[in-house]
């Protein structure tokens, strides 16, 4: 039987993928021109906006925290697609290949979530969304440092793993925000 976290993950991802694919129809593969550092910065902007909303309790633009976490999920997937494909392959990628890449990354990230939830339990359910937002920001700063080091790490996990963690924390935040 599927846990409620796994079920929620799949539902949230289905919504994200629908938006991703529709935007890809509107804009094409224009996002593939971005460097990983640009995507990292875009995720950072979204996470900082969420933190500002949490701290100020003001939301002038109107996009909710949930909307921003959905955007972070898709930006993380874009980054992972770029990280795992050569530039010339991205330029010639067809819709079915794009969807397949998206699905593979989601499956791998869901597998990671399942393994971590087995080890940690669902301790994230006792965390505050603000704490998870801070963890996302810390992971983004880690990625920025890794990028500044040309992808090199001596002992730590790489940028890809951090993108996966950010995606999963974003899922947890959406669940927390919609369950309360």
Foldseek 3Di string as FASTA:
>chain_A
DDDPLLVLLVVLLVVLVVVVLVVCVVVPLVVLVDDLLVLLVVLLVLLVVQLCCVVVVDDPPPQDNLNSLSVLLVSLLSSLLSVVDDSVCSVPDDSVNSVVSSVVLSVVLSVVVVVVCVVPPPCLLVDDLSVLSVVLNVLSVVQVVCVVVVQDDDPDDTNNVSSSSSNSSSSSSSCNVVVD
